[in-house]
C-alpha atoms as a PDB file:
ATOM      1  CA  MET A   1     179.097 152.848-155.853  1.00  0.00           C
ATOM      2  CA  LEU A   2     176.328 152.019-153.423  1.00  0.00           C
ATOM      3  CA  ALA A   3     175.790 148.354-152.653  1.00  0.00           C
ATOM      4  CA  VAL A   4     172.319 147.071-153.421  1.00  0.00           C
ATOM      5  CA  PRO A   5     170.994 145.028-150.498  1.00  0.00           C
ATOM      6  CA  ALA A   6     169.891 141.503-151.278  1.00  0.00           C
ATOM      7  CA  MET A   7     166.164 140.991-151.514  1.00  0.00           C
ATOM      8  CA  PRO A   8     164.822 138.899-148.624  1.00  0.00           C
ATOM      9  CA  ASP A   9     163.452 135.457-149.345  1.00  0.00           C
ATOM     10  CA  VAL A  10     159.929 134.407-148.409  1.00  0.00           C
ATOM     11  CA  CYS A  11     159.091 131.173-146.602  1.00  0.00           C
ATOM     12  CA  ARG A  12     156.685 128.993-148.562  1.00  0.00           C
ATOM     13  CA  VAL A  13     154.754 128.054-145.399  1.00  0.00           C
ATOM     14  CA  CYS A  14     154.470 131.126-143.144  1.00  0.00           C
ATOM     15  CA  ARG A  15     155.089 133.615-145.992  1.00  0.00           C
ATOM     16  CA  ARG A  16     157.379 135.744-143.817  1.00  0.00           C
ATOM     17  CA  GLU A  17     160.394 137.446-145.323  1.00  0.00           C
ATOM     18  CA  GLU A  18     163.733 136.069-144.194  1.00  0.00           C
ATOM     19  CA  ALA A  19     167.284 137.169-144.926  1.00  0.00           C
ATOM     20  CA  GLN A  20     168.136 133.533-145.576  1.00  0.00           C
ATOM     21  CA  LEU A  21     165.996 130.425-145.874  1.00  0.00           C
ATOM     22  CA  SER A  22     166.997 126.996-144.607  1.00  0.00           C
ATOM     23  CA  TYR A  23     167.483 123.954-146.832  1.00  0.00           C
ATOM     24  CA  GLU A  24     164.389 121.777-146.913  1.00  0.00           C
ATOM     25  CA  HIS A  25     164.834 118.128-147.882  1.00  0.00           C
ATOM     26  CA  VAL A  26     161.864 117.081-150.013  1.00  0.00           C
ATOM     27  CA  PRO A  27     160.911 114.382-149.134  1.00  0.00           C
ATOM     28  CA  PRO A  28     162.494 114.298-145.657  1.00  0.00           C
ATOM     29  CA  ARG A  29     165.925 112.676-145.454  1.00  0.00           C
ATOM     30  CA  ALA A  30     164.472 109.743-143.512  1.00  0.00           C
ATOM     31  CA  ALA A  31     162.161 108.989-146.450  1.00  0.00           C
ATOM     32  CA  PHE A  32     165.017 107.794-148.693  1.00  0.00           C
ATOM     33  CA  ASN A  33     166.210 111.277-149.630  1.00  0.00           C
ATOM     34  CA  ASP A  34     169.697 111.325-148.135  1.00  0.00           C
ATOM     35  CA  GLU A  35     171.911 110.584-151.144  1.00  0.00           C
ATOM     36  CA  ARG A  36     173.495 112.598-153.940  1.00  0.00           C
ATOM     37  CA  THR A  37     170.853 113.453-156.544  1.00  0.00           C
ATOM     38  CA  THR A  38     171.004 114.996-160.011  1.00  0.00           C
ATOM     39  CA  VAL A  39     168.072 117.271-160.821  1.00  0.00           C
ATOM     40  CA  TYR A  40     167.025 117.896-164.432  1.00  0.00           C
ATOM     41  CA  ASP A  41     164.558 120.390-165.843  1.00  0.00           C
ATOM     42  CA  LEU A  42     162.104 119.850-168.687  1.00  0.00           C
ATOM     43  CA  GLY A  43     164.571 121.218-171.250  1.00  0.00           C
ATOM     44  CA  ASP A  44     167.145 118.622-170.198  1.00  0.00           C
ATOM     45  CA  TRP A  45     164.542 115.888-170.584  1.00  0.00           C
ATOM     46  CA  LEU A  46     163.496 116.994-174.058  1.00  0.00           C
ATOM     47  CA  ALA A  47     167.160 117.128-175.128  1.00  0.00           C
ATOM     48  CA  ARG A  48     167.928 113.535-174.121  1.00  0.00           C
ATOM     49  CA  ASP A  49     169.680 111.341-176.679  1.00  0.00           C
ATOM     50  CA  ALA A  50     168.608 108.033-178.249  1.00  0.00           C
ATOM     51  CA  GLU A  51     169.942 106.111-175.242  1.00  0.00           C
ATOM     52  CA  GLY A  52     167.924 108.272-172.867  1.00  0.00           C
ATOM     53  CA  GLN A  53     170.926 110.165-171.491  1.00  0.00           C
ATOM     54  CA  MET A  54     170.151 113.738-170.471  1.00  0.00           C
ATOM     55  CA  PRO A  55     172.531 116.708-170.688  1.00  0.00           C
ATOM     56  CA  GLY A  56     172.964 119.297-167.981  1.00  0.00           C
ATOM     57  CA  GLY A  57     171.411 118.708-164.606  1.00  0.00           C
ATOM     58  CA  ARG A  58     172.108 120.158-161.175  1.00  0.00           C
ATOM     59  CA  VAL A  59     173.753 118.027-158.505  1.00  0.00           C
ATOM     60  CA  GLU A  60     172.256 118.125-155.002  1.00  0.00           C
ATOM     61  CA  GLN A  61     174.856 116.585-152.712  1.00  0.00           C
ATOM     62  CA  ARG A  62     172.545 116.356-149.697  1.00  0.00           C
ATOM     63  CA  GLY A  63     169.529 114.884-151.469  1.00  0.00           C
ATOM     64  CA  ALA A  64     166.680 116.591-153.312  1.00  0.00           C
ATOM     65  CA  GLY A  65     165.499 119.869-151.857  1.00  0.00           C
ATOM     66  CA  ALA A  66     165.958 123.621-151.862  1.00  0.00           C
ATOM     67  CA  PRO A  67     166.151 126.594-149.465  1.00  0.00           C
ATOM     68  CA  THR A  68     162.424 127.350-149.429  1.00  0.00           C
ATOM     69  CA  LEU A  69     161.412 127.327-145.741  1.00  0.00           C
ATOM     70  CA  CYS A  70     162.436 129.488-142.832  1.00  0.00           C
ATOM     71  CA  ALA A  71     164.301 127.739-140.021  1.00  0.00           C
ATOM     72  CA  ARG A  72     161.249 127.803-137.738  1.00  0.00           C
ATOM     73  CA  CYS A  73     158.882 126.225-140.270  1.00  0.00           C
ATOM     74  CA  ASN A  74     161.528 123.726-141.324  1.00  0.00           C
ATOM     75  CA  ASN A  75     162.083 122.590-137.740  1.00  0.00           C
ATOM     76  CA  ASN A  76     158.396 122.574-136.793  1.00  0.00           C
ATOM     77  CA  THR A  77     157.139 120.641-139.796  1.00  0.00           C
ATOM     78  CA  GLY A  78     159.983 118.163-139.504  1.00  0.00           C
ATOM     79  CA  SER A  79     159.297 117.419-135.841  1.00  0.00           C
ATOM     80  CA  TRP A  80     155.494 117.509-136.107  1.00  0.00           C
ATOM     81  CA  TYR A  81     154.928 115.645-139.365  1.00  0.00           C
ATOM     82  CA  GLY A  82     158.139 114.276-140.868  1.00  0.00           C
ATOM     83  CA  THR A  83     158.332 111.105-138.791  1.00  0.00           C
ATOM     84  CA  GLU A  84     154.854 110.049-139.937  1.00  0.00           C
ATOM     85  CA  LEU A  85     155.789 110.266-143.598  1.00  0.00           C
ATOM     86  CA  ALA A  86     159.115 108.506-143.064  1.00  0.00           C
ATOM     87  CA  SER A  87     157.333 105.604-141.380  1.00  0.00           C
ATOM     88  CA  ALA A  88     154.817 105.336-144.218  1.00  0.00           C
ATOM     89  CA  ALA A  89     157.622 105.503-146.804  1.00  0.00           C
ATOM     90  CA  ARG A  90     159.466 102.595-145.188  1.00  0.00           C
ATOM     91  CA  ALA A  91     156.332 100.450-145.294  1.00  0.00           C
ATOM     92  CA  ALA A  92     155.620 101.405-148.923  1.00  0.00           C
ATOM     93  CA  ALA A  93     159.204 100.700-149.978  1.00  0.00           C
ATOM     94  CA  LYS A  94     158.897  97.209-148.514  1.00  0.00           C
ATOM     95  CA  LEU A  95     155.735  96.631-150.574  1.00  0.00           C
ATOM     96  CA  LEU A  96     157.446  97.724-153.773  1.00  0.00           C
ATOM     97  CA  LEU A  97     160.530  95.611-153.082  1.00  0.00           C
ATOM     98  CA  GLU A  98     158.313  92.546-152.730  1.00  0.00           C
ATOM     99  CA  ALA A  99     156.218  93.327-155.846  1.00  0.00           C
ATOM    100  CA  PRO A 100     157.056  91.977-159.336  1.00  0.00           C
ATOM    101  CA  LEU A 101     157.549  95.466-160.747  1.00  0.00           C
ATOM    102  CA  GLY A 102     159.033  94.178-163.988  1.00  0.00           C
ATOM    103  CA  GLU A 103     155.830  92.255-164.678  1.00  0.00           C
ATOM    104  CA  PHE A 104     153.650  95.228-163.747  1.00  0.00           C
ATOM    105  CA  ASN A 105     155.680  97.523-166.028  1.00  0.00           C
ATOM    106  CA  ALA A 106     154.846  95.205-168.925  1.00  0.00           C
ATOM    107  CA  LEU A 107     151.086  95.504-168.391  1.00  0.00           C
ATOM    108  CA  THR A 108     148.829  97.675-170.539  1.00  0.00           C
ATOM    109  CA  GLU A 109     146.304  98.135-167.720  1.00  0.00           C
ATOM    110  CA  PRO A 110     146.944  99.849-164.360  1.00  0.00           C
ATOM    111  CA  ARG A 111     147.660  97.691-161.341  1.00  0.00           C
ATOM    112  CA  PHE A 112     146.534  98.519-157.796  1.00  0.00           C
ATOM    113  CA  ALA A 113     147.648  97.366-154.363  1.00  0.00           C
ATOM    114  CA  GLN A 114     145.147  97.025-151.542  1.00  0.00           C
ATOM    115  CA  VAL A 115     146.877  98.420-148.476  1.00  0.00           C
ATOM    116  CA  LYS A 116     145.463  97.920-144.988  1.00  0.00           C
ATOM    117  CA  VAL A 117     147.050  99.575-141.965  1.00  0.00           C
ATOM    118  CA  LYS A 118     145.839  98.777-138.465  1.00  0.00           C
ATOM    119  CA  GLN A 119     146.428 101.404-135.831  1.00  0.00           C
ATOM    120  CA  THR A 120     148.861 100.776-133.021  1.00  0.00           C
ATOM    121  CA  SER A 121     149.695 102.773-129.921  1.00  0.00           C
ATOM    122  CA  THR A 122     151.969 105.017-132.000  1.00  0.00           C
ATOM    123  CA  SER A 123     150.541 105.219-135.539  1.00  0.00           C
ATOM    124  CA  PRO A 124     149.219 105.992-138.063  1.00  0.00           C
ATOM    125  CA  HIS A 125     148.265 109.661-137.677  1.00  0.00           C
ATOM    126  CA  PRO A 126     146.623 110.597-141.009  1.00  0.00           C
ATOM    127  CA  LEU A 127     146.578 114.357-140.352  1.00  0.00           C
ATOM    128  CA  ARG A 128     150.327 114.434-139.745  1.00  0.00           C
ATOM    129  CA  LEU A 129     150.914 112.563-143.001  1.00  0.00           C
ATOM    130  CA  ILE A 130     148.830 114.896-145.127  1.00  0.00           C
ATOM    131  CA  LYS A 131     150.300 118.011-143.489  1.00  0.00           C
ATOM    132  CA  GLN A 132     153.765 116.786-144.420  1.00  0.00           C
ATOM    133  CA  ILE A 133     152.487 116.275-147.975  1.00  0.00           C
ATOM    134  CA  VAL A 134     151.164 119.850-148.111  1.00  0.00           C
ATOM    135  CA  THR A 135     154.504 121.103-146.755  1.00  0.00           C
ATOM    136  CA  MET A 136     156.392 119.269-149.513  1.00  0.00           C
ATOM    137  CA  LEU A 137     154.117 120.529-152.266  1.00  0.00           C
ATOM    138  CA  LEU A 138     154.545 124.105-151.068  1.00  0.00           C
ATOM    139  CA  ALA A 139     158.308 123.670-150.769  1.00  0.00           C
ATOM    140  CA  THR A 140     158.685 122.340-154.316  1.00  0.00           C
ATOM    141  CA  SER A 141     156.482 124.983-155.937  1.00  0.00           C
ATOM    142  CA  SER A 142     157.079 128.608-156.819  1.00  0.00           C
ATOM    143  CA  LEU A 143     156.238 131.257-154.245  1.00  0.00           C
ATOM    144  CA  GLY A 144     153.060 132.018-156.173  1.00  0.00           C
ATOM    145  CA  LEU A 145     151.340 128.910-154.823  1.00  0.00           C
ATOM    146  CA  ALA A 146     151.938 129.967-151.217  1.00  0.00           C
ATOM    147  CA  LEU A 147     150.864 133.560-151.829  1.00  0.00           C
ATOM    148  CA  ASP A 148     147.797 132.704-153.922  1.00  0.00           C
ATOM    149  CA  HIS A 149     146.668 129.949-151.536  1.00  0.00           C
ATOM    150  CA  PRO A 150     147.557 131.141-147.987  1.00  0.00           C
ATOM    151  CA  GLU A 151     145.108 128.615-146.552  1.00  0.00           C
ATOM    152  CA  LEU A 152     147.607 125.860-147.299  1.00  0.00           C
ATOM    153  CA  GLY A 153     150.435 127.436-145.320  1.00  0.00           C
ATOM    154  CA  ASP A 154     148.112 128.290-142.449  1.00  0.00           C
ATOM    155  CA  PHE A 155     146.917 124.667-142.383  1.00  0.00           C
ATOM    156  CA  VAL A 156     150.502 123.480-141.997  1.00  0.00           C
ATOM    157  CA  SER A 157     151.594 126.168-139.512  1.00  0.00           C
ATOM    158  CA  ALA A 158     148.807 125.416-137.015  1.00  0.00           C
ATOM    159  CA  ARG A 159     149.653 121.936-135.767  1.00  0.00           C
ATOM    160  CA  GLU A 160     146.186 121.147-134.381  1.00  0.00           C
ATOM    161  CA  ARG A 161     144.190 122.681-137.241  1.00  0.00           C
ATOM    162  CA  THR A 162     141.961 120.375-139.252  1.00  0.00           C
ATOM    163  CA  GLY A 163     140.049 120.869-142.468  1.00  0.00           C
ATOM    164  CA  LEU A 164     140.645 122.646-145.746  1.00  0.00           C
ATOM    165  CA  SER A 165     138.206 124.186-148.187  1.00  0.00           C
ATOM    166  CA  ASP A 166     136.708 122.072-150.949  1.00  0.00           C
ATOM    167  CA  ARG A 167     139.083 123.682-153.456  1.00  0.00           C
ATOM    168  CA  TYR A 168     141.753 121.128-152.594  1.00  0.00           C
ATOM    169  CA  ARG A 169     141.805 117.366-153.000  1.00  0.00           C
ATOM    170  CA  PHE A 170     144.696 115.002-152.292  1.00  0.00           C
ATOM    171  CA  TYR A 171     145.716 111.711-153.873  1.00  0.00           C
ATOM    172  CA  LEU A 172     148.300 109.097-152.943  1.00  0.00           C
ATOM    173  CA  SER A 173     149.790 106.309-155.052  1.00  0.00           C
ATOM    174  CA  LEU A 174     152.719 103.956-154.857  1.00  0.00           C
ATOM    175  CA  PHE A 175     155.485 105.107-157.179  1.00  0.00           C
ATOM    176  CA  ALA A 176     158.225 102.851-158.523  1.00  0.00           C
ATOM    177  CA  GLY A 177     160.204 105.394-160.548  1.00  0.00           C
ATOM    178  CA  PRO A 178     162.707 105.029-162.205  1.00  0.00           C
ATOM    179  CA  ASN A 179     162.658 108.853-162.352  1.00  0.00           C
ATOM    180  CA  ALA A 180     161.422 111.174-159.619  1.00  0.00           C
ATOM    181  CA  ARG A 181     159.416 114.265-160.535  1.00  0.00           C
ATOM    182  CA  SER A 182     158.132 117.537-159.061  1.00  0.00           C
ATOM    183  CA  THR A 183     155.919 119.825-161.117  1.00  0.00           C
ATOM    184  CA  GLY A 184     154.981 122.930-159.185  1.00  0.00           C
ATOM    185  CA  VAL A 185     151.561 124.133-160.286  1.00  0.00           C
ATOM    186  CA  ALA A 186     150.751 122.410-163.587  1.00  0.00           C
ATOM    187  CA  VAL A 187     147.819 121.610-165.827  1.00  0.00           C
ATOM    188  CA  ARG A 188     147.021 118.175-167.168  1.00  0.00           C
ATOM    189  CA  LEU A 189     144.897 117.426-170.198  1.00  0.00           C
ATOM    190  CA  ASP A 190     143.109 114.096-169.897  1.00  0.00           C
ATOM    191  CA  VAL A 191     141.786 113.429-173.398  1.00  0.00           C
ATOM    192  CA  GLU A 192     140.079 110.137-172.591  1.00  0.00           C
ATOM    193  CA  ARG A 193     137.941 111.725-169.893  1.00  0.00           C
ATOM    194  CA  ALA A 194     137.684 115.133-171.603  1.00  0.00           C
ATOM    195  CA  ARG A 195     138.920 117.149-168.630  1.00  0.00           C
ATOM    196  CA  VAL A 196     141.672 119.588-167.711  1.00  0.00           C
ATOM    197  CA  ASP A 197     142.890 119.664-164.107  1.00  0.00           C
ATOM    198  CA  THR A 198     145.190 122.004-162.211  1.00  0.00           C
ATOM    199  CA  LEU A 199     147.471 120.090-159.899  1.00  0.00           C
ATOM    200  CA  VAL A 200     150.689 120.042-157.911  1.00  0.00           C
ATOM    201  CA  GLU A 201     152.664 116.806-157.821  1.00  0.00           C
ATOM    202  CA  LEU A 202     155.682 115.330-156.106  1.00  0.00           C
ATOM    203  CA  ALA A 203     156.573 111.820-157.268  1.00  0.00           C
ATOM    204  CA  PHE A 204     159.524 110.374-155.375  1.00  0.00           C
ATOM    205  CA  PRO A 205     159.731 106.620-154.697  1.00  0.00           C
ATOM    206  CA  PRO A 206     157.993 105.004-152.955  1.00  0.00           C
ATOM    207  CA  PHE A 207     155.067 107.463-153.200  1.00  0.00           C
ATOM    208  CA  ALA A 208     153.525 109.968-155.576  1.00  0.00           C
ATOM    209  CA  TYR A 209     151.589 112.813-153.941  1.00  0.00           C
ATOM    210  CA  VAL A 210     149.117 114.991-155.844  1.00  0.00           C
ATOM    211  CA  MET A 211     146.989 117.969-154.821  1.00  0.00           C
ATOM    212  CA  THR A 212     144.357 119.251-157.230  1.00  0.00           C
ATOM    213  CA  ILE A 213     143.031 122.807-157.135  1.00  0.00           C
ATOM    214  CA  ASP A 214     139.417 123.616-158.068  1.00  0.00           C
ATOM    215  CA  ALA A 215     139.049 120.244-159.792  1.00  0.00           C
ATOM    216  CA  GLU A 216     136.231 117.737-159.799  1.00  0.00           C
ATOM    217  CA  PRO A 217     136.754 114.537-157.754  1.00  0.00           C
ATOM    218  CA  ASP A 218     138.546 111.508-159.197  1.00  0.00           C
ATOM    219  CA  ALA A 219     141.111 113.582-161.062  1.00  0.00           C
ATOM    220  CA  ILE A 220     143.770 110.965-160.325  1.00  0.00           C
ATOM    221  CA  GLN A 221     142.890 107.305-160.628  1.00  0.00           C
ATOM    222  CA  THR A 222     144.214 106.271-157.261  1.00  0.00           C
ATOM    223  CA  CYS A 223     143.222 106.672-153.606  1.00  0.00           C
ATOM    224  CA  ASP A 224     141.714 110.021-152.593  1.00  0.00           C
ATOM    225  CA  ILE A 225     143.077 110.834-149.114  1.00  0.00           C
ATOM    226  CA  THR A 226     141.443 114.254-148.704  1.00  0.00           C
ATOM    227  CA  GLU A 227     139.569 112.956-145.647  1.00  0.00           C
ATOM    228  CA  PHE A 228     142.904 112.808-143.804  1.00  0.00           C
ATOM    229  CA  THR A 229     142.624 116.596-143.360  1.00  0.00           C
ATOM    230  CA  THR A 230     139.649 116.152-141.011  1.00  0.00           C
ATOM    231  CA  ILE A 231     141.296 113.854-138.439  1.00  0.00           C
ATOM    232  CA  GLY A 232     142.770 115.284-135.240  1.00  0.00           C
ATOM    233  CA  TYR A 233     146.506 115.701-134.780  1.00  0.00           C
ATOM    234  CA  ARG A 234     146.631 113.116-131.980  1.00  0.00           C
ATOM    235  CA  GLN A 235     144.015 110.825-133.503  1.00  0.00           C
ATOM    236  CA  ARG A 236     145.028 107.506-135.020  1.00  0.00           C
ATOM    237  CA  ALA A 237     142.947 105.560-137.538  1.00  0.00           C
ATOM    238  CA  ASP A 238     142.759 102.258-139.373  1.00  0.00           C
ATOM    239  CA  LEU A 239     143.453 102.826-143.061  1.00  0.00           C
ATOM    240  CA  GLU A 240     142.335 100.849-146.091  1.00  0.00           C
ATOM    241  CA  MET A 241     143.499 102.184-149.445  1.00  0.00           C
ATOM    242  CA  ASP A 242     143.606 100.964-153.029  1.00  0.00           C
ATOM    243  CA  LEU A 243     146.821 102.532-154.287  1.00  0.00           C
ATOM    244  CA  LEU A 244     147.820 102.689-157.922  1.00  0.00           C
ATOM    245  CA  ILE A 245     151.266 101.236-158.600  1.00  0.00           C
ATOM    246  CA  GLY A 246     152.666 103.991-160.794  1.00  0.00           C
ATOM    247  CA  PHE A 247     155.834 104.477-162.822  1.00  0.00           C
ATOM    248  CA  GLY A 248     157.844 107.573-163.742  1.00  0.00           C
ATOM    249  CA  HIS A 249     158.897 107.202-167.371  1.00  0.00           C
ATOM    250  CA  THR A 250     157.972 110.720-168.538  1.00  0.00           C
ATOM    251  CA  PRO A 251     158.230 114.291-167.184  1.00  0.00           C
ATOM    252  CA  TRP A 252     154.477 114.884-167.507  1.00  0.00           C
ATOM    253  CA  PRO A 253     152.487 115.632-164.323  1.00  0.00           C
ATOM    254  CA  ALA A 254     150.616 112.683-162.814  1.00  0.00           C
ATOM    255  CA  ASP A 255     151.638 110.374-165.666  1.00  0.00           C
ATOM    256  CA  TYR A 256     152.034 106.958-164.060  1.00  0.00           C
ATOM    257  CA  ARG A 257     151.850 104.828-167.212  1.00  0.00           C
ATOM    258  CA  THR A 258     153.860 101.657-167.544  1.00  0.00           C
ATOM    259  CA  SER A 259     156.401 101.223-170.330  1.00  0.00           C
ATOM    260  CA  ALA A 260     153.912  98.959-172.087  1.00  0.00           C
ATOM    261  CA  MET A 261     151.164 101.603-171.943  1.00  0.00           C
ATOM    262  CA  ILE A 262     153.468 104.238-173.397  1.00  0.00           C
ATOM    263  CA  ALA A 263     154.577 101.915-176.190  1.00  0.00           C
ATOM    264  CA  ALA A 264     150.977 101.018-177.008  1.00  0.00           C
ATOM    265  CA  GLU A 265     149.939 104.673-177.203  1.00  0.00           C
ATOM    266  CA  ARG A 266     152.860 105.501-179.480  1.00  0.00           C
ATOM    267  CA  ARG A 267     151.484 102.981-181.961  1.00  0.00           C
ATOM    268  CA  ARG A 268     148.168 104.834-182.153  1.00  0.00           C
ATOM    269  CA  PRO A 269     147.520 107.469-184.846  1.00  0.00           C
ATOM    270  CA  ALA A 270     149.241 110.739-183.924  1.00  0.00           C
ATOM    271  CA  VAL A 271     146.004 112.762-184.088  1.00  0.00           C
ATOM    272  CA  GLU A 272     142.502 111.779-183.169  1.00  0.00           C
ATOM    273  CA  GLU A 273     139.202 113.612-183.237  1.00  0.00           C
ATOM    274  CA  GLU A 274     139.214 117.385-182.693  1.00  0.00           C
ATOM    275  CA  GLY A 275     142.986 117.480-183.130  1.00  0.00           C
ATOM    276  CA  TYR A 276     143.915 116.255-179.666  1.00  0.00           C
ATOM    277  CA  PRO A 277     146.941 113.981-179.283  1.00  0.00           C
ATOM    278  CA  SER A 278     146.024 110.367-178.672  1.00  0.00           C
ATOM    279  CA  SER A 279     147.926 110.122-175.398  1.00  0.00           C
ATOM    280  CA  CYS A 280     147.262 111.989-172.183  1.00  0.00           C
ATOM    281  CA  ASP A 281     149.930 114.676-172.414  1.00  0.00           C
ATOM    282  CA  PRO A 282     149.880 117.089-169.479  1.00  0.00           C
ATOM    283  CA  HIS A 283     152.025 120.194-169.781  1.00  0.00           C
ATOM    284  CA  PHE A 284     153.864 122.434-167.356  1.00  0.00           C
ATOM    285  CA  LEU A 285     152.566 125.929-166.868  1.00  0.00           C
ATOM    286  CA  PRO A 286     154.959 128.629-168.104  1.00  0.00           C
END
């Protein structure tokens, strides 16, 4: 019997075929992703019991991630951009540790944090941060995103490149968990604002990162950081951002509601006008 050769894998950034891809930590290990993690899919979530315990799950001993990048892209993006995100994550984690998250989780209105960052001789470099975000969103999505949107991988691969087309917008929020979430390409139905948006999200404390595709502005009610794509690789900048303090109580994309918000919406009638559910229930694409 003839052996069938294994099909080569394709790097999510450079889109080259490789015999074997390297393991990409998403987020980087230095951004609080260096411990044993159990990963659940949507089916596991929907099958959880009354106490919230989920069956199944896949254990990642090295932290969350997957073999989705070639060794070259993994090494380049880590050295070019990873340090910037790790530094920002440490600062954000400190903010969340000092915040009364229990009180915020009991609110029925969103809470925001005004974050001001003054540039120093070493940071911040906004372009490096957003390129690491794009890398992570590509790495956590199916190959279709990379192949259908080659501009994203090219933006990451060229260290000095700035600017993306208007198809893409980026949003950043603080994220307190307790669950982390990655969606791949998903659609979200926002009933209150009568809109449907296509997005890619990674929500892993202390940040949630969202990219929208072909969507109108203000898709996510937090800080729009799309302008970061226009700043030079070596250029630093003062930053002032109003960041939503979000929570991860559901598997739905870009759902940052507090426990109190979810409880309040459950008390509403199950169906409102035109047959839409009363809550904002985004759904994963098949």
